[in-house]
Amino acid sequence: MLAINEFREFLSYFPTHARADYAQYKLGLAHYKQMLNPERDQTETMAAISEFETFLVQYQASEYAGEVRTLLRQSKDRLGESDYKVGLFYYRVKWYPGAIDRFKGLLGRDPEYSNRDAVYFYLAESLIKVNKPAEALPYFERLLAEFEKSEYLEQAKRRVAELKASHAN
């Protein structure tokens, strides 16, 4: 916490300093290193995302930009994993409206989430469970189009065939 305050103070007093990019990088990194598991409070994860996004807006030409992009993706994936696990829990306890809301929210906030094949699959399955097969079909199709390798491919192919067959009747 002390490091966070020191970097923030440095940036407030010396926003145009030659090492301001480094301070902003370290500020994001300090939050990143305090991130908790996806099942826990994600306050530090959200702070890391915010600081890394600020970095990329203000210092895109910095030597640290590549690493910051990687850390930002990892931070967003951690936050997404938190939402995914809640959605999966709702799916498993058969509270499909909650699962649908959580999965759609995740895709809306982070369309590049690394584990979105699972999100597409469970979102589509949840939609089928609430009798919305027409709404489910595009998610299965996105899974097939976007992923060459996924543990959900075979099941998604079967579901697409089932849904198209039932729609044709």
N, C-alpha and C. Protein backbone atom coordinates (compact mmCIF):
# COMPACT_ATOMS: atom_id res chain seq x y z
N MET A 1 0.82 -1.19 0.00
CA MET A 1 0.00 0.00 0.00
C MET A 1 0.86 1.26 0.00
N LEU A 2 1.98 1.20 0.71
CA LEU A 2 2.88 2.34 0.76
C LEU A 2 3.42 2.66 -0.64
N ALA A 3 3.80 1.62 -1.38
CA ALA A 3 4.31 1.84 -2.74
C ALA A 3 3.26 2.51 -3.62
N ILE A 4 2.03 2.07 -3.49
CA ILE A 4 0.95 2.65 -4.29
C ILE A 4 0.83 4.14 -4.00
N ASN A 5 0.85 4.49 -2.72
CA ASN A 5 0.76 5.91 -2.35
C ASN A 5 1.96 6.71 -2.87
N GLU A 6 3.13 6.12 -2.80
CA GLU A 6 4.34 6.83 -3.27
C GLU A 6 4.30 7.05 -4.78
N PHE A 7 3.93 6.03 -5.54
CA PHE A 7 3.85 6.20 -7.00
C PHE A 7 2.77 7.20 -7.37
N ARG A 8 1.63 7.13 -6.69
CA ARG A 8 0.54 8.06 -6.97
C ARG A 8 0.97 9.50 -6.65
N GLU A 9 1.66 9.70 -5.54
CA GLU A 9 2.13 11.02 -5.16
C GLU A 9 3.16 11.54 -6.18
N PHE A 10 4.07 10.67 -6.59
CA PHE A 10 5.06 11.07 -7.60
C PHE A 10 4.36 11.54 -8.87
N LEU A 11 3.38 10.79 -9.31
CA LEU A 11 2.66 11.15 -10.54
C LEU A 11 1.86 12.43 -10.39
N SER A 12 1.36 12.70 -9.21
CA SER A 12 0.59 13.94 -9.02
C SER A 12 1.52 15.16 -8.99
N TYR A 13 2.73 15.01 -8.45
CA TYR A 13 3.67 16.12 -8.40
C TYR A 13 4.50 16.28 -9.68
N PHE A 14 4.76 15.16 -10.35
CA PHE A 14 5.64 15.20 -11.54
C PHE A 14 5.01 14.47 -12.72
N PRO A 15 3.85 14.90 -13.19
CA PRO A 15 3.16 14.17 -14.26
C PRO A 15 3.90 14.15 -15.60
N THR A 16 4.81 15.08 -15.81
CA THR A 16 5.54 15.13 -17.08
C THR A 16 7.00 14.69 -16.94
N HIS A 17 7.35 14.16 -15.80
CA HIS A 17 8.72 13.69 -15.55
C HIS A 17 9.08 12.59 -16.55
N ALA A 18 10.35 12.49 -16.89
CA ALA A 18 10.82 11.50 -17.86
C ALA A 18 10.53 10.06 -17.39
N ARG A 19 10.40 9.85 -16.09
CA ARG A 19 10.15 8.50 -15.55
C ARG A 19 8.69 8.32 -15.11
N ALA A 20 7.81 9.23 -15.53
CA ALA A 20 6.39 9.10 -15.15
C ALA A 20 5.80 7.80 -15.69
N ASP A 21 6.23 7.38 -16.88
CA ASP A 21 5.73 6.12 -17.42
C ASP A 21 6.09 4.95 -16.51
N TYR A 22 7.32 4.97 -15.98
CA TYR A 22 7.76 3.91 -15.08
C TYR A 22 6.94 3.93 -13.80
N ALA A 23 6.67 5.10 -13.28
CA ALA A 23 5.87 5.22 -12.05
C ALA A 23 4.46 4.69 -12.29
N GLN A 24 3.86 5.03 -13.44
CA GLN A 24 2.52 4.54 -13.75
C GLN A 24 2.53 3.02 -13.93
N TYR A 25 3.56 2.51 -14.58
CA TYR A 25 3.73 1.06 -14.74
C TYR A 25 3.81 0.38 -13.38
N LYS A 26 4.64 0.91 -12.49
CA LYS A 26 4.83 0.32 -11.17
C LYS A 26 3.56 0.44 -10.32
N LEU A 27 2.81 1.51 -10.53
CA LEU A 27 1.54 1.68 -9.81
C LEU A 27 0.57 0.56 -10.19
N GLY A 28 0.44 0.31 -11.49
CA GLY A 28 -0.40 -0.79 -11.94
C GLY A 28 0.11 -2.13 -11.44
N LEU A 29 1.42 -2.31 -11.49
CA LEU A 29 2.04 -3.55 -11.05
C LEU A 29 1.83 -3.80 -9.55
N ALA A 30 1.85 -2.74 -8.76
CA ALA A 30 1.62 -2.88 -7.32
C ALA A 30 0.21 -3.41 -7.06
N HIS A 31 -0.77 -2.91 -7.79
CA HIS A 31 -2.13 -3.45 -7.65
C HIS A 31 -2.20 -4.88 -8.18
N TYR A 32 -1.54 -5.12 -9.31
CA TYR A 32 -1.54 -6.44 -9.94
C TYR A 32 -1.04 -7.51 -8.96
N LYS A 33 0.03 -7.20 -8.25
CA LYS A 33 0.63 -8.17 -7.32
C LYS A 33 -0.24 -8.41 -6.10
N GLN A 34 -1.25 -7.56 -5.87
CA GLN A 34 -2.15 -7.73 -4.74
C GLN A 34 -3.48 -8.37 -5.14
N MET A 35 -3.61 -8.72 -6.43
CA MET A 35 -4.85 -9.34 -6.89
C MET A 35 -5.07 -10.67 -6.18
N LEU A 36 -6.33 -10.94 -5.86
CA LEU A 36 -6.68 -12.18 -5.19
C LEU A 36 -7.21 -13.19 -6.20
N ASN A 37 -7.41 -14.43 -5.75
CA ASN A 37 -7.99 -15.47 -6.61
C ASN A 37 -9.36 -15.03 -7.12
N PRO A 38 -9.81 -15.60 -8.23
CA PRO A 38 -11.10 -15.19 -8.80
C PRO A 38 -12.28 -15.34 -7.84
N GLU A 39 -12.19 -16.23 -6.88
CA GLU A 39 -13.27 -16.46 -5.94
C GLU A 39 -13.33 -15.39 -4.85
N ARG A 40 -12.34 -14.54 -4.78
CA ARG A 40 -12.22 -13.55 -3.71
C ARG A 40 -12.55 -12.15 -4.23
N ASP A 41 -12.42 -11.16 -3.37
CA ASP A 41 -12.70 -9.77 -3.71
C ASP A 41 -11.79 -9.30 -4.86
N GLN A 42 -12.38 -8.65 -5.85
CA GLN A 42 -11.64 -8.25 -7.05
C GLN A 42 -11.31 -6.75 -7.08
N THR A 43 -11.31 -6.10 -5.94
CA THR A 43 -11.02 -4.66 -5.89
C THR A 43 -9.64 -4.35 -6.45
N GLU A 44 -8.64 -5.10 -6.06
CA GLU A 44 -7.27 -4.85 -6.56
C GLU A 44 -7.17 -5.15 -8.05
N THR A 45 -7.90 -6.14 -8.51
CA THR A 45 -7.90 -6.46 -9.93
C THR A 45 -8.45 -5.29 -10.73
N MET A 46 -9.57 -4.72 -10.27
CA MET A 46 -10.16 -3.57 -10.95
C MET A 46 -9.22 -2.37 -10.91
N ALA A 47 -8.51 -2.18 -9.79
CA ALA A 47 -7.55 -1.08 -9.68
C ALA A 47 -6.39 -1.29 -10.66
N ALA A 48 -5.90 -2.53 -10.77
CA ALA A 48 -4.81 -2.82 -11.71
C ALA A 48 -5.26 -2.53 -13.14
N ILE A 49 -6.46 -2.95 -13.50
CA ILE A 49 -6.99 -2.70 -14.84
C ILE A 49 -7.04 -1.20 -15.10
N SER A 50 -7.55 -0.46 -14.15
CA SER A 50 -7.66 0.99 -14.30
C SER A 50 -6.29 1.64 -14.50
N GLU A 51 -5.32 1.25 -13.70
CA GLU A 51 -3.97 1.84 -13.81
C GLU A 51 -3.28 1.44 -15.11
N PHE A 52 -3.46 0.20 -15.54
CA PHE A 52 -2.86 -0.23 -16.81
C PHE A 52 -3.51 0.47 -17.99
N GLU A 53 -4.84 0.65 -17.94
CA GLU A 53 -5.52 1.38 -19.02
C GLU A 53 -5.06 2.83 -19.06
N THR A 54 -4.88 3.45 -17.90
CA THR A 54 -4.36 4.82 -17.84
C THR A 54 -2.97 4.87 -18.47
N PHE A 55 -2.15 3.89 -18.14
CA PHE A 55 -0.80 3.81 -18.72
C PHE A 55 -0.87 3.79 -20.25
N LEU A 56 -1.71 2.92 -20.79
CA LEU A 56 -1.76 2.76 -22.25
C LEU A 56 -2.32 4.00 -22.95
N VAL A 57 -3.13 4.77 -22.27
CA VAL A 57 -3.63 6.02 -22.86
C VAL A 57 -2.53 7.07 -22.86
N GLN A 58 -1.80 7.16 -21.74
CA GLN A 58 -0.82 8.25 -21.58
C GLN A 58 0.58 7.93 -22.10
N TYR A 59 0.94 6.66 -22.14
CA TYR A 59 2.33 6.30 -22.46
C TYR A 59 2.42 5.16 -23.47
N GLN A 60 1.61 5.19 -24.52
CA GLN A 60 1.60 4.07 -25.47
C GLN A 60 2.95 3.84 -26.16
N ALA A 61 3.81 4.84 -26.19
CA ALA A 61 5.12 4.68 -26.82
C ALA A 61 6.20 4.22 -25.84
N SER A 62 5.84 3.99 -24.61
CA SER A 62 6.80 3.60 -23.57
C SER A 62 7.38 2.22 -23.84
N GLU A 63 8.57 2.01 -23.34
CA GLU A 63 9.21 0.69 -23.45
C GLU A 63 8.46 -0.37 -22.64
N TYR A 64 7.60 0.05 -21.71
CA TYR A 64 6.84 -0.88 -20.87
C TYR A 64 5.48 -1.23 -21.46
N ALA A 65 5.12 -0.62 -22.57
CA ALA A 65 3.76 -0.77 -23.13
C ALA A 65 3.43 -2.24 -23.45
N GLY A 66 4.36 -2.97 -24.01
CA GLY A 66 4.10 -4.37 -24.35
C GLY A 66 3.79 -5.21 -23.11
N GLU A 67 4.60 -5.03 -22.09
CA GLU A 67 4.36 -5.78 -20.85
C GLU A 67 3.05 -5.35 -20.21
N VAL A 68 2.74 -4.05 -20.27
CA VAL A 68 1.50 -3.56 -19.68
C VAL A 68 0.29 -4.17 -20.40
N ARG A 69 0.36 -4.30 -21.72
CA ARG A 69 -0.74 -4.93 -22.46
C ARG A 69 -0.96 -6.38 -21.99
N THR A 70 0.14 -7.09 -21.78
CA THR A 70 0.06 -8.47 -21.30
C THR A 70 -0.54 -8.52 -19.90
N LEU A 71 -0.06 -7.65 -19.02
CA LEU A 71 -0.58 -7.61 -17.65
C LEU A 71 -2.05 -7.19 -17.62
N LEU A 72 -2.42 -6.28 -18.51
CA LEU A 72 -3.81 -5.85 -18.59
C LEU A 72 -4.71 -7.02 -19.01
N ARG A 73 -4.26 -7.79 -20.02
CA ARG A 73 -5.05 -8.95 -20.45
C ARG A 73 -5.21 -9.95 -19.30
N GLN A 74 -4.11 -10.20 -18.57
CA GLN A 74 -4.16 -11.13 -17.45
C GLN A 74 -5.09 -10.62 -16.35
N SER A 75 -5.07 -9.32 -16.11
CA SER A 75 -5.94 -8.73 -15.09
C SER A 75 -7.40 -8.83 -15.52
N LYS A 76 -7.69 -8.53 -16.77
CA LYS A 76 -9.06 -8.64 -17.27
C LYS A 76 -9.53 -10.09 -17.23
N ASP A 77 -8.64 -11.01 -17.54
CA ASP A 77 -9.01 -12.43 -17.46
C ASP A 77 -9.31 -12.85 -16.02
N ARG A 78 -8.56 -12.31 -15.07
CA ARG A 78 -8.83 -12.64 -13.66
C ARG A 78 -10.22 -12.14 -13.27
N LEU A 79 -10.54 -10.92 -13.65
CA LEU A 79 -11.86 -10.37 -13.36
C LEU A 79 -12.95 -11.16 -14.08
N GLY A 80 -12.69 -11.52 -15.33
CA GLY A 80 -13.63 -12.32 -16.10
C GLY A 80 -13.83 -13.70 -15.49
N GLU A 81 -12.75 -14.27 -15.00
CA GLU A 81 -12.83 -15.60 -14.37
C GLU A 81 -13.72 -15.55 -13.13
N SER A 82 -13.67 -14.45 -12.43
CA SER A 82 -14.53 -14.27 -11.26
C SER A 82 -16.00 -14.30 -11.69
N ASP A 83 -16.34 -13.55 -12.72
CA ASP A 83 -17.72 -13.55 -13.23
C ASP A 83 -18.10 -14.91 -13.79
N TYR A 84 -17.19 -15.53 -14.52
CA TYR A 84 -17.46 -16.85 -15.11
C TYR A 84 -17.79 -17.87 -14.03
N LYS A 85 -17.01 -17.87 -12.96
CA LYS A 85 -17.24 -18.86 -11.90
C LYS A 85 -18.59 -18.67 -11.22
N VAL A 86 -19.01 -17.42 -11.07
CA VAL A 86 -20.33 -17.16 -10.49
C VAL A 86 -21.40 -17.66 -11.46
N GLY A 87 -21.24 -17.34 -12.75
CA GLY A 87 -22.20 -17.80 -13.75
C GLY A 87 -22.27 -19.32 -13.80
N LEU A 88 -21.13 -19.97 -13.73
CA LEU A 88 -21.09 -21.43 -13.74
C LEU A 88 -21.78 -22.01 -12.50
N PHE A 89 -21.57 -21.36 -11.37
CA PHE A 89 -22.27 -21.79 -10.15
C PHE A 89 -23.78 -21.70 -10.35
N TYR A 90 -24.25 -20.57 -10.89
CA TYR A 90 -25.69 -20.41 -11.14
C TYR A 90 -26.19 -21.50 -12.10
N TYR A 91 -25.40 -21.80 -13.12
CA TYR A 91 -25.78 -22.84 -14.07
C TYR A 91 -25.91 -24.19 -13.36
N ARG A 92 -24.95 -24.50 -12.53
CA ARG A 92 -24.94 -25.81 -11.85
C ARG A 92 -26.08 -25.96 -10.84
N VAL A 93 -26.51 -24.86 -10.23
CA VAL A 93 -27.63 -24.94 -9.29
C VAL A 93 -28.96 -24.68 -10.02
N LYS A 94 -28.88 -24.64 -11.34
CA LYS A 94 -30.06 -24.52 -12.21
C LYS A 94 -30.80 -23.19 -12.07
N TRP A 95 -30.07 -22.12 -11.72
CA TRP A 95 -30.66 -20.79 -11.73
C TRP A 95 -30.20 -20.11 -13.02
N TYR A 96 -30.84 -20.52 -14.11
CA TYR A 96 -30.41 -20.13 -15.45
C TYR A 96 -30.52 -18.63 -15.73
N PRO A 97 -31.55 -17.92 -15.24
CA PRO A 97 -31.56 -16.47 -15.49
C PRO A 97 -30.34 -15.76 -14.90
N GLY A 98 -29.90 -16.20 -13.72
CA GLY A 98 -28.70 -15.62 -13.12
C GLY A 98 -27.46 -15.94 -13.94
N ALA A 99 -27.37 -17.17 -14.43
CA ALA A 99 -26.23 -17.57 -15.27
C ALA A 99 -26.21 -16.75 -16.55
N ILE A 100 -27.37 -16.59 -17.18
CA ILE A 100 -27.46 -15.81 -18.43
C ILE A 100 -27.01 -14.38 -18.20
N ASP A 101 -27.51 -13.76 -17.13
CA ASP A 101 -27.11 -12.38 -16.83
C ASP A 101 -25.61 -12.26 -16.61
N ARG A 102 -25.04 -13.19 -15.85
CA ARG A 102 -23.61 -13.13 -15.54
C ARG A 102 -22.77 -13.34 -16.79
N PHE A 103 -23.14 -14.33 -17.62
CA PHE A 103 -22.36 -14.61 -18.83
C PHE A 103 -22.49 -13.48 -19.85
N LYS A 104 -23.69 -12.96 -20.04
CA LYS A 104 -23.86 -11.84 -20.99
C LYS A 104 -23.11 -10.61 -20.50
N GLY A 105 -23.15 -10.37 -19.19
CA GLY A 105 -22.42 -9.23 -18.63
C GLY A 105 -20.92 -9.35 -18.87
N LEU A 106 -20.40 -10.56 -18.69
CA LEU A 106 -18.97 -10.81 -18.91
C LEU A 106 -18.60 -10.54 -20.36
N LEU A 107 -19.39 -11.06 -21.29
CA LEU A 107 -19.10 -10.85 -22.72
C LEU A 107 -19.22 -9.38 -23.11
N GLY A 108 -20.14 -8.67 -22.47
CA GLY A 108 -20.30 -7.25 -22.76
C GLY A 108 -19.14 -6.42 -22.25
N ARG A 109 -18.64 -6.75 -21.06
CA ARG A 109 -17.53 -6.02 -20.47
C ARG A 109 -16.19 -6.39 -21.08
N ASP A 110 -16.04 -7.65 -21.46
CA ASP A 110 -14.74 -8.11 -21.96
C ASP A 110 -14.93 -9.10 -23.11
N PRO A 111 -15.20 -8.59 -24.32
CA PRO A 111 -15.42 -9.49 -25.46
C PRO A 111 -14.18 -10.29 -25.87
N GLU A 112 -13.02 -9.96 -25.31
CA GLU A 112 -11.79 -10.68 -25.62
C GLU A 112 -11.40 -11.65 -24.51
N TYR A 113 -12.27 -11.88 -23.55
CA TYR A 113 -11.99 -12.79 -22.44
C TYR A 113 -11.44 -14.11 -22.99
N SER A 114 -10.35 -14.57 -22.43
CA SER A 114 -9.64 -15.73 -22.98
C SER A 114 -10.42 -17.04 -22.91
N ASN A 115 -11.29 -17.18 -21.92
CA ASN A 115 -12.04 -18.42 -21.73
C ASN A 115 -13.47 -18.29 -22.24
N ARG A 116 -13.66 -17.46 -23.26
CA ARG A 116 -15.03 -17.19 -23.72
C ARG A 116 -15.68 -18.38 -24.42
N ASP A 117 -14.91 -19.38 -24.83
CA ASP A 117 -15.54 -20.58 -25.40
C ASP A 117 -16.44 -21.23 -24.36
N ALA A 118 -15.98 -21.30 -23.12
CA ALA A 118 -16.80 -21.86 -22.04
C ALA A 118 -18.01 -20.95 -21.77
N VAL A 119 -17.80 -19.65 -21.84
CA VAL A 119 -18.90 -18.71 -21.62
C VAL A 119 -19.96 -18.89 -22.70
N TYR A 120 -19.52 -18.95 -23.96
CA TYR A 120 -20.48 -19.17 -25.06
C TYR A 120 -21.28 -20.45 -24.83
N PHE A 121 -20.57 -21.51 -24.46
CA PHE A 121 -21.22 -22.81 -24.30
C PHE A 121 -22.26 -22.78 -23.18
N TYR A 122 -21.85 -22.33 -22.00
CA TYR A 122 -22.79 -22.35 -20.87
C TYR A 122 -23.89 -21.30 -21.01
N LEU A 123 -23.60 -20.21 -21.68
CA LEU A 123 -24.65 -19.22 -21.96
C LEU A 123 -25.69 -19.83 -22.89
N ALA A 124 -25.23 -20.48 -23.94
CA ALA A 124 -26.16 -21.11 -24.89
C ALA A 124 -26.96 -22.22 -24.22
N GLU A 125 -26.30 -23.03 -23.42
CA GLU A 125 -27.00 -24.10 -22.70
C GLU A 125 -28.05 -23.52 -21.74
N SER A 126 -27.71 -22.43 -21.08
CA SER A 126 -28.65 -21.79 -20.17
C SER A 126 -29.86 -21.26 -20.93
N LEU A 127 -29.61 -20.68 -22.10
CA LEU A 127 -30.71 -20.17 -22.92
C LEU A 127 -31.64 -21.30 -23.37
N ILE A 128 -31.07 -22.44 -23.69
CA ILE A 128 -31.89 -23.60 -24.05
C ILE A 128 -32.75 -24.02 -22.86
N LYS A 129 -32.17 -24.00 -21.67
CA LYS A 129 -32.90 -24.42 -20.46
C LYS A 129 -34.09 -23.50 -20.17
N VAL A 130 -34.01 -22.22 -20.59
CA VAL A 130 -35.14 -21.30 -20.36
C VAL A 130 -35.98 -21.17 -21.63
N ASN A 131 -35.83 -22.17 -22.51
CA ASN A 131 -36.65 -22.26 -23.73
C ASN A 131 -36.44 -21.09 -24.69
N LYS A 132 -35.18 -20.73 -24.92
CA LYS A 132 -34.83 -19.69 -25.90
C LYS A 132 -33.79 -20.25 -26.87
N PRO A 133 -34.14 -21.32 -27.60
CA PRO A 133 -33.15 -21.95 -28.48
C PRO A 133 -32.68 -21.04 -29.61
N ALA A 134 -33.55 -20.18 -30.11
CA ALA A 134 -33.14 -19.28 -31.20
C ALA A 134 -32.08 -18.30 -30.73
N GLU A 135 -32.15 -17.92 -29.46
CA GLU A 135 -31.15 -17.02 -28.90
C GLU A 135 -29.85 -17.76 -28.58
N ALA A 136 -29.95 -19.07 -28.35
CA ALA A 136 -28.78 -19.89 -28.00
C ALA A 136 -27.91 -20.20 -29.22
N LEU A 137 -28.55 -20.43 -30.35
CA LEU A 137 -27.85 -20.86 -31.56
C LEU A 137 -26.65 -19.98 -31.93
N PRO A 138 -26.78 -18.64 -31.94
CA PRO A 138 -25.62 -17.82 -32.32
C PRO A 138 -24.41 -18.00 -31.40
N TYR A 139 -24.64 -18.30 -30.13
CA TYR A 139 -23.51 -18.50 -29.22
C TYR A 139 -22.78 -19.81 -29.52
N PHE A 140 -23.53 -20.85 -29.84
CA PHE A 140 -22.88 -22.09 -30.27
C PHE A 140 -22.09 -21.85 -31.56
N GLU A 141 -22.68 -21.11 -32.49
CA GLU A 141 -22.01 -20.84 -33.77
C GLU A 141 -20.76 -19.99 -33.57
N ARG A 142 -20.80 -19.03 -32.65
CA ARG A 142 -19.61 -18.23 -32.36
C ARG A 142 -18.50 -19.10 -31.78
N LEU A 143 -18.87 -20.03 -30.92
CA LEU A 143 -17.89 -20.95 -30.35
C LEU A 143 -17.20 -21.72 -31.48
N LEU A 144 -17.99 -22.24 -32.41
CA LEU A 144 -17.42 -23.01 -33.53
C LEU A 144 -16.57 -22.13 -34.45
N ALA A 145 -16.98 -20.88 -34.65
CA ALA A 145 -16.26 -20.00 -35.57
C ALA A 145 -14.96 -19.45 -34.96
N GLU A 146 -14.96 -19.17 -33.68
CA GLU A 146 -13.82 -18.49 -33.06
C GLU A 146 -12.76 -19.43 -32.48
N PHE A 147 -13.10 -20.70 -32.27
CA PHE A 147 -12.16 -21.60 -31.59
C PHE A 147 -11.90 -22.85 -32.41
N GLU A 148 -10.62 -23.06 -32.72
CA GLU A 148 -10.22 -24.29 -33.41
C GLU A 148 -10.08 -25.43 -32.42
N LYS A 149 -9.70 -25.09 -31.20
CA LYS A 149 -9.54 -26.08 -30.15
C LYS A 149 -10.33 -25.62 -28.93
N SER A 150 -11.20 -26.50 -28.47
CA SER A 150 -11.97 -26.23 -27.26
C SER A 150 -12.60 -27.55 -26.82
N GLU A 151 -12.70 -27.73 -25.53
CA GLU A 151 -13.34 -28.94 -25.02
C GLU A 151 -14.83 -28.95 -25.31
N TYR A 152 -15.37 -27.82 -25.74
CA TYR A 152 -16.81 -27.70 -25.99
C TYR A 152 -17.20 -27.85 -27.46
N LEU A 153 -16.23 -28.03 -28.36
CA LEU A 153 -16.52 -28.06 -29.80
C LEU A 153 -17.49 -29.17 -30.20
N GLU A 154 -17.23 -30.37 -29.76
CA GLU A 154 -18.09 -31.49 -30.18
C GLU A 154 -19.52 -31.32 -29.69
N GLN A 155 -19.67 -30.92 -28.44
CA GLN A 155 -21.01 -30.70 -27.89
C GLN A 155 -21.71 -29.55 -28.62
N ALA A 156 -20.96 -28.52 -28.94
CA ALA A 156 -21.54 -27.37 -29.66
C ALA A 156 -21.98 -27.79 -31.06
N LYS A 157 -21.16 -28.61 -31.75
CA LYS A 157 -21.56 -29.09 -33.09
C LYS A 157 -22.86 -29.88 -33.02
N ARG A 158 -22.98 -30.75 -32.01
CA ARG A 158 -24.21 -31.53 -31.84
C ARG A 158 -25.40 -30.62 -31.58
N ARG A 159 -25.21 -29.64 -30.73
CA ARG A 159 -26.31 -28.72 -30.39
C ARG A 159 -26.75 -27.91 -31.61
N VAL A 160 -25.79 -27.43 -32.40
CA VAL A 160 -26.14 -26.67 -33.61
C VAL A 160 -26.97 -27.55 -34.55
N ALA A 161 -26.54 -28.79 -34.73
CA ALA A 161 -27.28 -29.70 -35.61
C ALA A 161 -28.70 -29.93 -35.05
N GLU A 162 -28.81 -30.16 -33.75
CA GLU A 162 -30.13 -30.37 -33.13
C GLU A 162 -31.03 -29.16 -33.31
N LEU A 163 -30.47 -27.98 -33.03
CA LEU A 163 -31.26 -26.76 -33.10
C LEU A 163 -31.71 -26.45 -34.53
N LYS A 164 -30.81 -26.67 -35.48
CA LYS A 164 -31.19 -26.43 -36.89
C LYS A 164 -32.21 -27.45 -37.36
N ALA A 165 -32.10 -28.69 -36.91
CA ALA A 165 -33.06 -29.73 -37.28
C ALA A 165 -34.44 -29.42 -36.69
N SER A 166 -34.48 -29.00 -35.45
CA SER A 166 -35.76 -28.71 -34.82
C SER A 166 -36.38 -27.44 -35.40
N HIS A 167 -35.54 -26.52 -35.86
CA HIS A 167 -36.04 -25.27 -36.46
C HIS A 167 -36.61 -25.55 -37.87
N ALA A 168 -36.04 -26.54 -38.55
CA ALA A 168 -36.48 -26.88 -39.91
C ALA A 168 -37.86 -27.55 -39.87
N ASN A 169 -38.20 -28.18 -38.76
CA ASN A 169 -39.50 -28.89 -38.66
C ASN A 169 -40.64 -27.97 -38.40
